[in-house]
Protein backbone atom coordinates (compact mmCIF):
# COMPACT_ATOMS: atom_id res chain seq x y z
CA MET A 1 22.41 130.34 91.24
CA SER A 2 21.41 133.26 93.45
CA ALA A 3 23.35 136.51 93.59
CA GLN A 4 24.29 135.76 97.19
CA ALA A 5 25.71 132.35 96.23
CA GLN A 6 27.76 133.98 93.46
CA ALA A 7 28.96 136.77 95.75
CA LEU A 8 30.52 134.38 98.26
CA PRO A 9 33.10 132.87 95.86
CA PHE A 10 33.81 136.35 94.51
CA ALA A 11 34.32 137.70 98.04
CA LYS A 12 36.66 134.80 98.81
CA LEU A 13 38.62 135.50 95.63
CA VAL A 14 38.95 139.19 96.52
CA ALA A 15 40.10 138.32 100.05
CA ARG A 16 42.66 135.85 98.66
CA MET A 17 43.98 138.47 96.21
CA ALA A 18 44.21 141.11 98.94
CA ASN A 19 46.11 138.74 101.22
CA LEU A 20 48.56 137.83 98.48
CA MET A 21 49.09 141.51 97.65
CA VAL A 22 50.21 142.24 101.22
CA GLY A 23 52.28 139.09 101.45
CA LEU A 24 49.97 136.74 103.34
CA PRO A 25 50.16 133.27 101.80
CA ASP A 26 47.05 131.21 101.10
CA TYR A 27 46.82 128.30 103.54
CA ASP A 28 43.84 126.68 101.80
CA SER A 29 45.75 126.47 98.51
CA TYR A 30 48.73 125.00 100.35
CA VAL A 31 46.56 122.30 101.96
CA GLU A 32 44.92 121.45 98.63
CA HIS A 33 48.32 121.20 96.92
CA ARG A 34 49.73 118.97 99.66
CA ARG A 35 46.73 116.64 99.59
CA LEU A 36 46.86 116.28 95.81
CA ASN A 37 50.61 116.12 95.26
CA HIS A 38 52.11 114.89 98.53
CA PRO A 39 49.45 112.76 100.26
CA ASP A 40 52.06 110.75 102.18
CA GLN A 41 53.59 113.83 103.84
CA PRO A 42 52.20 115.71 106.86
CA ILE A 43 50.41 119.04 106.43
CA MET A 44 51.54 121.95 108.60
CA SER A 45 49.04 123.61 110.89
CA ARG A 46 47.91 127.11 109.95
CA GLU A 47 50.31 128.58 112.54
CA GLU A 48 53.25 126.47 111.35
CA PHE A 49 52.50 127.43 107.75
CA PHE A 50 52.37 131.14 108.57
CA ARG A 51 55.64 131.01 110.54
CA GLU A 52 57.40 129.06 107.79
CA ARG A 53 56.24 131.50 105.11
CA GLN A 54 57.29 134.51 107.20
CA GLU A 55 60.71 132.96 107.80
CA ALA A 56 61.10 132.22 104.09
CA ARG A 57 60.14 135.77 103.20
CA TYR A 58 62.12 137.73 105.79
CA SER A 59 65.13 135.54 106.62
CA GLY A 60 67.31 137.21 104.02
CA LYS A 61 68.23 133.91 102.41
CA VAL A 62 67.94 133.75 98.64
CA GLY A 63 65.86 130.78 97.57
CA ARG A 64 66.60 130.87 93.87
CA CYS A 65 69.50 129.77 91.76
CA CYS A 66 70.34 133.14 90.20
């Protein structure tokens, strides 16, 4: 495998980590999860996903039991 081919996955990993560090969720992981675990349910668009994640993060509602 060439260095350029190896750099692309590494660059994608770094971008994903940076996005998660600043609170941007990973849409590609969401889509993969939905396809594998919930194939009968619809998948949100990128915009819908982003809005839903922002609402979940900043709405002030506590989403855990404790």
